[in-house]
Every structure is written in structure tokens, then in C-alpha cells.
Amino acid sequence: MNKIVLIVLAIFLPPVAVFLKNGAGKDLLINIVLCFVFFFPAVVHALWLVTK
């Protein structure tokens, strides 16, 4: 998938970006928990996974 699209998704819908990049796994679960705790850490986590 296009990296720019993944970065935009990581900003607005972090779990979707993580799912499209890595599939369903521990990274997705971590990101969903981060979304429930606070949105900003989920965005940072998603951006880190998408850009690495």
C-alpha cells in the first residue's frame, strides 16, 4: 500500500493503518489499547510502525 496513504491513516485512524501494514497481531492490539487510553500515543505508535 502507498506509504503516504498509510501515514494519513495513521494520523486519523491509527488501528486501521496498523492493521493494513502488519495485519492482525500484537501490534494491532497494542494500538487499540493505546487508542482507548489516549489518542496521541496511538498515533505515534502507528506512525512509527508505518515508517519503519
C-alpha atoms as a PDB file:
ATOM      1  CA  MET A   1       0.000   0.000   0.000  1.00  0.00           C
ATOM      2  CA  ASN A   2       1.126   3.549  -0.669  1.00  0.00           C
ATOM      3  CA  LYS A   3       3.163   4.908   2.242  1.00  0.00           C
ATOM      4  CA  ILE A   4       1.543   8.360   2.080  1.00  0.00           C
ATOM      5  CA  VAL A   5      -1.921   6.810   2.415  1.00  0.00           C
ATOM      6  CA  LEU A   6      -0.719   4.795   5.412  1.00  0.00           C
ATOM      7  CA  ILE A   7       0.708   7.913   7.060  1.00  0.00           C
ATOM      8  CA  VAL A   8      -2.574   9.798   6.619  1.00  0.00           C
ATOM      9  CA  LEU A   9      -4.482   6.810   8.004  1.00  0.00           C
ATOM     10  CA  ALA A  10      -2.047   6.622  10.920  1.00  0.00           C
ATOM     11  CA  ILE A  11      -2.902  10.198  11.843  1.00  0.00           C
ATOM     12  CA  PHE A  12      -6.685   9.869  11.614  1.00  0.00           C
ATOM     13  CA  LEU A  13      -7.351   6.127  12.175  1.00  0.00           C
ATOM     14  CA  PRO A  14      -4.278   4.565  13.805  1.00  0.00           C
ATOM     15  CA  PRO A  15      -5.616   0.993  14.246  1.00  0.00           C
ATOM     16  CA  VAL A  16      -6.616   0.807  10.581  1.00  0.00           C
ATOM     17  CA  ALA A  17      -3.128   1.845   9.468  1.00  0.00           C
ATOM     18  CA  VAL A  18      -1.521  -0.713  11.775  1.00  0.00           C
ATOM     19  CA  PHE A  19      -3.866  -3.430  10.517  1.00  0.00           C
ATOM     20  CA  LEU A  20      -3.138  -2.644   6.862  1.00  0.00           C
ATOM     21  CA  LYS A  21       0.612  -2.590   7.492  1.00  0.00           C
ATOM     22  CA  ASN A  22       1.069  -5.568   9.851  1.00  0.00           C
ATOM     23  CA  GLY A  23      -2.228  -7.436   9.888  1.00  0.00           C
ATOM     24  CA  ALA A  24      -3.977  -8.676  12.998  1.00  0.00           C
ATOM     25  CA  GLY A  25      -1.438  -9.303  15.727  1.00  0.00           C
ATOM     26  CA  LYS A  26       0.118  -7.914  18.848  1.00  0.00           C
ATOM     27  CA  ASP A  27       0.894  -4.546  17.219  1.00  0.00           C
ATOM     28  CA  LEU A  28      -2.785  -4.061  16.412  1.00  0.00           C
ATOM     29  CA  LEU A  29      -3.795  -4.999  19.951  1.00  0.00           C
ATOM     30  CA  ILE A  30      -1.254  -2.572  21.431  1.00  0.00           C
ATOM     31  CA  ASN A  31      -2.532   0.203  19.187  1.00  0.00           C
ATOM     32  CA  ILE A  32      -6.178  -0.422  20.083  1.00  0.00           C
ATOM     33  CA  VAL A  33      -5.328  -0.283  23.796  1.00  0.00           C
ATOM     34  CA  LEU A  34      -3.414   2.955  23.218  1.00  0.00           C
ATOM     35  CA  CYS A  35      -6.438   4.399  21.409  1.00  0.00           C
ATOM     36  CA  PHE A  36      -8.645   3.675  24.407  1.00  0.00           C
ATOM     37  CA  VAL A  37      -6.125   5.127  26.868  1.00  0.00           C
ATOM     38  CA  PHE A  38      -5.330   8.257  24.867  1.00  0.00           C
ATOM     39  CA  PHE A  39      -5.345   9.022  21.152  1.00  0.00           C
ATOM     40  CA  PHE A  40      -1.928  10.695  20.733  1.00  0.00           C
ATOM     41  CA  PRO A  41       0.207   7.674  21.779  1.00  0.00           C
ATOM     42  CA  ALA A  42      -1.749   5.540  19.315  1.00  0.00           C
ATOM     43  CA  VAL A  43      -0.911   7.983  16.523  1.00  0.00           C
ATOM     44  CA  VAL A  44       2.776   7.953  17.457  1.00  0.00           C
ATOM     45  CA  HIS A  45       2.804   4.152  17.616  1.00  0.00           C
ATOM     46  CA  ALA A  46       1.058   3.848  14.236  1.00  0.00           C
ATOM     47  CA  LEU A  47       3.390   6.349  12.591  1.00  0.00           C
ATOM     48  CA  TRP A  48       6.389   4.519  13.996  1.00  0.00           C
ATOM     49  CA  LEU A  49       5.148   1.184  12.606  1.00  0.00           C
ATOM     50  CA  VAL A  50       4.207   2.606   9.216  1.00  0.00           C
ATOM     51  CA  THR A  51       7.505   4.416   8.660  1.00  0.00           C
ATOM     52  CA  LYS A  52       9.888   1.712   9.871  1.00  0.00           C
END
